[in-house]
C-alpha atoms as a PDB file:
ATOM      1  CA  UNK A   1      12.695   3.631  13.156  1.00  0.00           C
ATOM      2  CA  UNK A   2      10.191   4.212  10.345  1.00  0.00           C
ATOM      3  CA  UNK A   3      12.506   6.809   8.721  1.00  0.00           C
ATOM      4  CA  UNK A   4      15.368   4.338   8.892  1.00  0.00           C
ATOM      5  CA  UNK A   5      13.334   1.552   7.266  1.00  0.00           C
ATOM      6  CA  UNK A   6      12.028   3.929   4.575  1.00  0.00           C
ATOM      7  CA  UNK A   7      15.568   5.107   3.839  1.00  0.00           C
ATOM      8  CA  UNK A   8      16.813   1.511   3.704  1.00  0.00           C
ATOM      9  CA  UNK A   9      13.984   0.542   1.341  1.00  0.00           C
ATOM     10  CA  UNK A  10      14.775   3.467  -0.988  1.00  0.00           C
ATOM     11  CA  UNK A  11      18.474   2.529  -0.955  1.00  0.00           C
ATOM     12  CA  UNK A  12      17.686  -1.109  -1.753  1.00  0.00           C
ATOM     13  CA  UNK A  13      15.391  -0.117  -4.604  1.00  0.00           C
ATOM     14  CA  UNK A  14      17.998   2.217  -6.072  1.00  0.00           C
ATOM     15  CA  UNK A  15      20.866  -0.278  -5.870  1.00  0.00           C
ATOM     16  CA  UNK A  16      18.658  -3.155  -6.983  1.00  0.00           C
ATOM     17  CA  UNK A  17      17.667  -1.291 -10.141  1.00  0.00           C
ATOM     18  CA  UNK A  18      21.291  -0.577 -11.004  1.00  0.00           C
ATOM     19  CA  UNK A  19      22.258  -4.198 -10.425  1.00  0.00           C
ATOM     20  CA  UNK A  20      19.395  -5.496 -12.540  1.00  0.00           C
ATOM     21  CA  UNK A  21      20.724  -3.673 -15.572  1.00  0.00           C
ATOM     22  CA  UNK A  22      24.306  -4.583 -14.678  1.00  0.00           C
ATOM     23  CA  UNK A  23      25.710  -2.735 -17.640  1.00  0.00           C
ATOM     24  CA  UNK A  24      28.217  -0.436 -15.958  1.00  0.00           C
ATOM     25  CA  UNK A  25      29.946   2.498 -17.612  1.00  0.00           C
ATOM     26  CA  UNK A  26      29.897   3.331 -21.316  1.00  0.00           C
ATOM     27  CA  UNK A  27      32.137   1.136 -23.470  1.00  0.00           C
ATOM     28  CA  UNK A  28      31.583   2.983 -26.728  1.00  0.00           C
ATOM     29  CA  UNK A  29      29.423   5.310 -28.790  1.00  0.00           C
ATOM     30  CA  UNK A  30      27.107   5.040 -31.766  1.00  0.00           C
ATOM     31  CA  UNK A  31      28.808   7.013 -34.548  1.00  0.00           C
ATOM     32  CA  UNK A  32      26.440   6.226 -37.445  1.00  0.00           C
ATOM     33  CA  UNK A  33      22.744   5.409 -37.347  1.00  0.00           C
ATOM     34  CA  UNK A  34      20.210   5.217 -40.130  1.00  0.00           C
ATOM     35  CA  UNK A  35      16.747   3.816 -40.613  1.00  0.00           C
ATOM     36  CA  UNK A  36      15.309   1.517 -37.974  1.00  0.00           C
ATOM     37  CA  UNK A  37      18.102   1.181 -35.392  1.00  0.00           C
ATOM     38  CA  UNK A  38      17.903   0.779 -31.623  1.00  0.00           C
ATOM     39  CA  UNK A  39      19.652  -0.363 -28.462  1.00  0.00           C
ATOM     40  CA  UNK A  40      18.059  -2.798 -26.038  1.00  0.00           C
ATOM     41  CA  UNK A  41      19.316  -2.335 -22.482  1.00  0.00           C
ATOM     42  CA  UNK A  42      17.640  -4.632 -20.000  1.00  0.00           C
ATOM     43  CA  UNK A  43      13.939  -4.419 -20.811  1.00  0.00           C
ATOM     44  CA  UNK A  44      14.167  -0.970 -22.420  1.00  0.00           C
ATOM     45  CA  UNK A  45      14.593  -0.265 -26.129  1.00  0.00           C
ATOM     46  CA  UNK A  46      16.020   3.146 -27.053  1.00  0.00           C
ATOM     47  CA  UNK A  47      16.393   4.622 -30.550  1.00  0.00           C
ATOM     48  CA  UNK A  48      19.976   4.106 -31.694  1.00  0.00           C
ATOM     49  CA  UNK A  49      20.823   7.723 -32.353  1.00  0.00           C
ATOM     50  CA  UNK A  50      24.280   9.050 -33.148  1.00  0.00           C
ATOM     51  CA  UNK A  51      26.163   9.940 -29.963  1.00  0.00           C
ATOM     52  CA  UNK A  52      24.285   7.421 -27.779  1.00  0.00           C
ATOM     53  CA  UNK A  53      26.649   5.632 -25.412  1.00  0.00           C
ATOM     54  CA  UNK A  54      26.605   1.827 -25.487  1.00  0.00           C
ATOM     55  CA  UNK A  55      27.262  -0.383 -22.481  1.00  0.00           C
ATOM     56  CA  UNK A  56      28.245  -3.944 -21.736  1.00  0.00           C
ATOM     57  CA  UNK A  57      25.312  -6.336 -22.332  1.00  0.00           C
ATOM     58  CA  UNK A  58      23.513  -3.910 -24.662  1.00  0.00           C
ATOM     59  CA  UNK A  59      21.931  -5.507 -27.709  1.00  0.00           C
ATOM     60  CA  UNK A  60      22.245  -3.503 -30.915  1.00  0.00           C
ATOM     61  CA  UNK A  61      19.248  -3.931 -33.224  1.00  0.00           C
ATOM     62  CA  UNK A  62      18.520  -2.905 -36.797  1.00  0.00           C
ATOM     63  CA  UNK A  63      15.336  -3.312 -38.812  1.00  0.00           C
ATOM     64  CA  UNK A  64      14.823  -3.952 -42.523  1.00  0.00           C
ATOM     65  CA  UNK A  65      16.137  -0.498 -43.483  1.00  0.00           C
ATOM     66  CA  UNK A  66      18.501   0.008 -40.532  1.00  0.00           C
ATOM     67  CA  UNK A  67      22.245   0.327 -40.052  1.00  0.00           C
ATOM     68  CA  UNK A  68      24.453   1.092 -37.046  1.00  0.00           C
ATOM     69  CA  UNK A  69      28.110   1.965 -36.694  1.00  0.00           C
ATOM     70  CA  UNK A  70      29.678   1.779 -33.225  1.00  0.00           C
ATOM     71  CA  UNK A  71      33.154   2.709 -32.031  1.00  0.00           C
ATOM     72  CA  UNK A  72      34.249   1.078 -28.770  1.00  0.00           C
ATOM     73  CA  UNK A  73      36.633   2.718 -26.305  1.00  0.00           C
ATOM     74  CA  UNK A  74      39.658   0.823 -27.668  1.00  0.00           C
ATOM     75  CA  UNK A  75      38.924   1.888 -31.255  1.00  0.00           C
ATOM     76  CA  UNK A  76      37.118  -1.326 -32.291  1.00  0.00           C
ATOM     77  CA  UNK A  77      34.612  -0.641 -35.086  1.00  0.00           C
ATOM     78  CA  UNK A  78      31.372  -2.593 -35.432  1.00  0.00           C
ATOM     79  CA  UNK A  79      29.067  -1.985 -38.380  1.00  0.00           C
ATOM     80  CA  UNK A  80      25.674  -3.669 -38.583  1.00  0.00           C
ATOM     81  CA  UNK A  81      23.514  -3.951 -41.683  1.00  0.00           C
ATOM     82  CA  UNK A  82      19.748  -4.495 -41.962  1.00  0.00           C
ATOM     83  CA  UNK A  83      17.900  -6.991 -39.762  1.00  0.00           C
ATOM     84  CA  UNK A  84      20.801  -7.488 -37.352  1.00  0.00           C
ATOM     85  CA  UNK A  85      21.103  -8.303 -33.649  1.00  0.00           C
ATOM     86  CA  UNK A  86      24.452  -8.018 -31.887  1.00  0.00           C
ATOM     87  CA  UNK A  87      25.103  -8.340 -28.146  1.00  0.00           C
ATOM     88  CA  UNK A  88      28.028  -6.575 -26.507  1.00  0.00           C
ATOM     89  CA  UNK A  89      28.436  -9.403 -23.994  1.00  0.00           C
ATOM     90  CA  UNK A  90      31.791  -8.484 -22.465  1.00  0.00           C
ATOM     91  CA  UNK A  91      34.229  -5.603 -22.807  1.00  0.00           C
ATOM     92  CA  UNK A  92      37.152  -4.447 -20.722  1.00  0.00           C
ATOM     93  CA  UNK A  93      39.864  -2.095 -21.858  1.00  0.00           C
ATOM     94  CA  UNK A  94      42.068  -1.241 -18.878  1.00  0.00           C
ATOM     95  CA  UNK A  95      45.688  -0.881 -20.060  1.00  0.00           C
ATOM     96  CA  UNK A  96      46.785   0.456 -16.653  1.00  0.00           C
ATOM     97  CA  UNK A  97      45.824  -2.943 -15.162  1.00  0.00           C
ATOM     98  CA  UNK A  98      46.843  -4.939 -18.251  1.00  0.00           C
ATOM     99  CA  UNK A  99      43.232  -6.163 -18.447  1.00  0.00           C
ATOM    100  CA  UNK A 100      41.603  -6.662 -21.842  1.00  0.00           C
ATOM    101  CA  UNK A 101      38.586  -8.558 -23.162  1.00  0.00           C
ATOM    102  CA  UNK A 102      36.031  -8.311 -25.914  1.00  0.00           C
ATOM    103  CA  UNK A 103      33.255 -10.839 -26.456  1.00  0.00           C
ATOM    104  CA  UNK A 104      30.340 -10.150 -28.768  1.00  0.00           C
ATOM    105  CA  UNK A 105      27.485 -12.252 -30.126  1.00  0.00           C
ATOM    106  CA  UNK A 106      26.142 -11.746 -33.638  1.00  0.00           C
ATOM    107  CA  UNK A 107      22.716 -13.357 -33.405  1.00  0.00           C
ATOM    108  CA  UNK A 108      21.484 -12.537 -36.920  1.00  0.00           C
ATOM    109  CA  UNK A 109      22.104 -10.152 -39.784  1.00  0.00           C
ATOM    110  CA  UNK A 110      25.346  -8.765 -41.168  1.00  0.00           C
ATOM    111  CA  UNK A 111      28.311  -7.325 -39.366  1.00  0.00           C
ATOM    112  CA  UNK A 112      31.692  -5.934 -40.292  1.00  0.00           C
ATOM    113  CA  UNK A 113      34.251  -5.943 -37.493  1.00  0.00           C
ATOM    114  CA  UNK A 114      37.553  -4.086 -37.386  1.00  0.00           C
ATOM    115  CA  UNK A 115      39.678  -4.692 -34.324  1.00  0.00           C
ATOM    116  CA  UNK A 116      40.866  -1.921 -32.091  1.00  0.00           C
ATOM    117  CA  UNK A 117      43.650  -1.951 -29.557  1.00  0.00           C
ATOM    118  CA  UNK A 118      42.415  -5.067 -27.727  1.00  0.00           C
ATOM    119  CA  UNK A 119      42.648  -7.068 -30.953  1.00  0.00           C
ATOM    120  CA  UNK A 120      46.216  -5.883 -31.474  1.00  0.00           C
ATOM    121  CA  UNK A 121      47.467  -6.044 -27.859  1.00  0.00           C
ATOM    122  CA  UNK A 122      45.666  -9.212 -26.740  1.00  0.00           C
ATOM    123  CA  UNK A 123      44.092 -10.985 -29.743  1.00  0.00           C
ATOM    124  CA  UNK A 124      43.513 -14.116 -27.638  1.00  0.00           C
ATOM    125  CA  UNK A 125      41.075 -12.049 -25.525  1.00  0.00           C
ATOM    126  CA  UNK A 126      38.902 -11.135 -28.531  1.00  0.00           C
ATOM    127  CA  UNK A 127      36.112 -13.373 -29.810  1.00  0.00           C
ATOM    128  CA  UNK A 128      32.805 -13.174 -31.618  1.00  0.00           C
ATOM    129  CA  UNK A 129      30.156 -15.851 -31.208  1.00  0.00           C
ATOM    130  CA  UNK A 130      27.717 -16.801 -33.951  1.00  0.00           C
ATOM    131  CA  UNK A 131      24.804 -19.254 -33.596  1.00  0.00           C
ATOM    132  CA  UNK A 132      27.024 -21.951 -35.120  1.00  0.00           C
ATOM    133  CA  UNK A 133      30.573 -21.145 -34.024  1.00  0.00           C
ATOM    134  CA  UNK A 134      32.978 -18.870 -32.178  1.00  0.00           C
ATOM    135  CA  UNK A 135      35.331 -16.685 -34.185  1.00  0.00           C
ATOM    136  CA  UNK A 136      38.675 -16.226 -32.462  1.00  0.00           C
ATOM    137  CA  UNK A 137      39.868 -12.929 -33.879  1.00  0.00           C
ATOM    138  CA  UNK A 138      43.500 -13.092 -34.953  1.00  0.00           C
ATOM    139  CA  UNK A 139      43.330 -10.616 -37.806  1.00  0.00           C
ATOM    140  CA  UNK A 140      42.089  -7.100 -37.876  1.00  0.00           C
ATOM    141  CA  UNK A 141      38.953  -7.165 -40.041  1.00  0.00           C
ATOM    142  CA  UNK A 142      36.197  -9.550 -41.110  1.00  0.00           C
ATOM    143  CA  UNK A 143      32.579  -9.646 -42.209  1.00  0.00           C
ATOM    144  CA  UNK A 144      29.927 -12.173 -41.240  1.00  0.00           C
ATOM    145  CA  UNK A 145      26.334 -12.837 -42.318  1.00  0.00           C
ATOM    146  CA  UNK A 146      23.924 -14.829 -40.172  1.00  0.00           C
ATOM    147  CA  UNK A 147      20.599 -15.785 -41.802  1.00  0.00           C
ATOM    148  CA  UNK A 148      17.396 -14.966 -39.930  1.00  0.00           C
ATOM    149  CA  UNK A 149      16.376 -17.805 -37.650  1.00  0.00           C
ATOM    150  CA  UNK A 150      19.844 -19.374 -37.483  1.00  0.00           C
ATOM    151  CA  UNK A 151      20.100 -18.554 -33.784  1.00  0.00           C
ATOM    152  CA  UNK A 152      16.802 -20.208 -32.816  1.00  0.00           C
END
């Protein structure tokens, strides 16, 4: 009985930790990283190095001298300049199931966005939220700048 309970406890701890992060499989990769750049996943902050996979609900961070360039699995390009925070809130690219969505939140800083296949196939499923508005992406490229403190 004790072995069973110990095994059950270990299983619960393992599945509970995975659920707490809730980020699932990789949705893209960091292609360019310079200066102070990192990825916050749950309570952990990892240096944003080139080749690092990004996941749903990750927050991309850059410092005063930082920049990040990310390519998502559908070919979407996200470039962040200094002092930026961007959350990859939702992403699904499953053409075999005709299921598409991209929702990101630029919390502060500068970002250039270039849509990938989701933006072309299902533009109504693509949106970017800022502290003041939601951008419904109907084109293929835009830039946005959010002043520090605008999201507070």
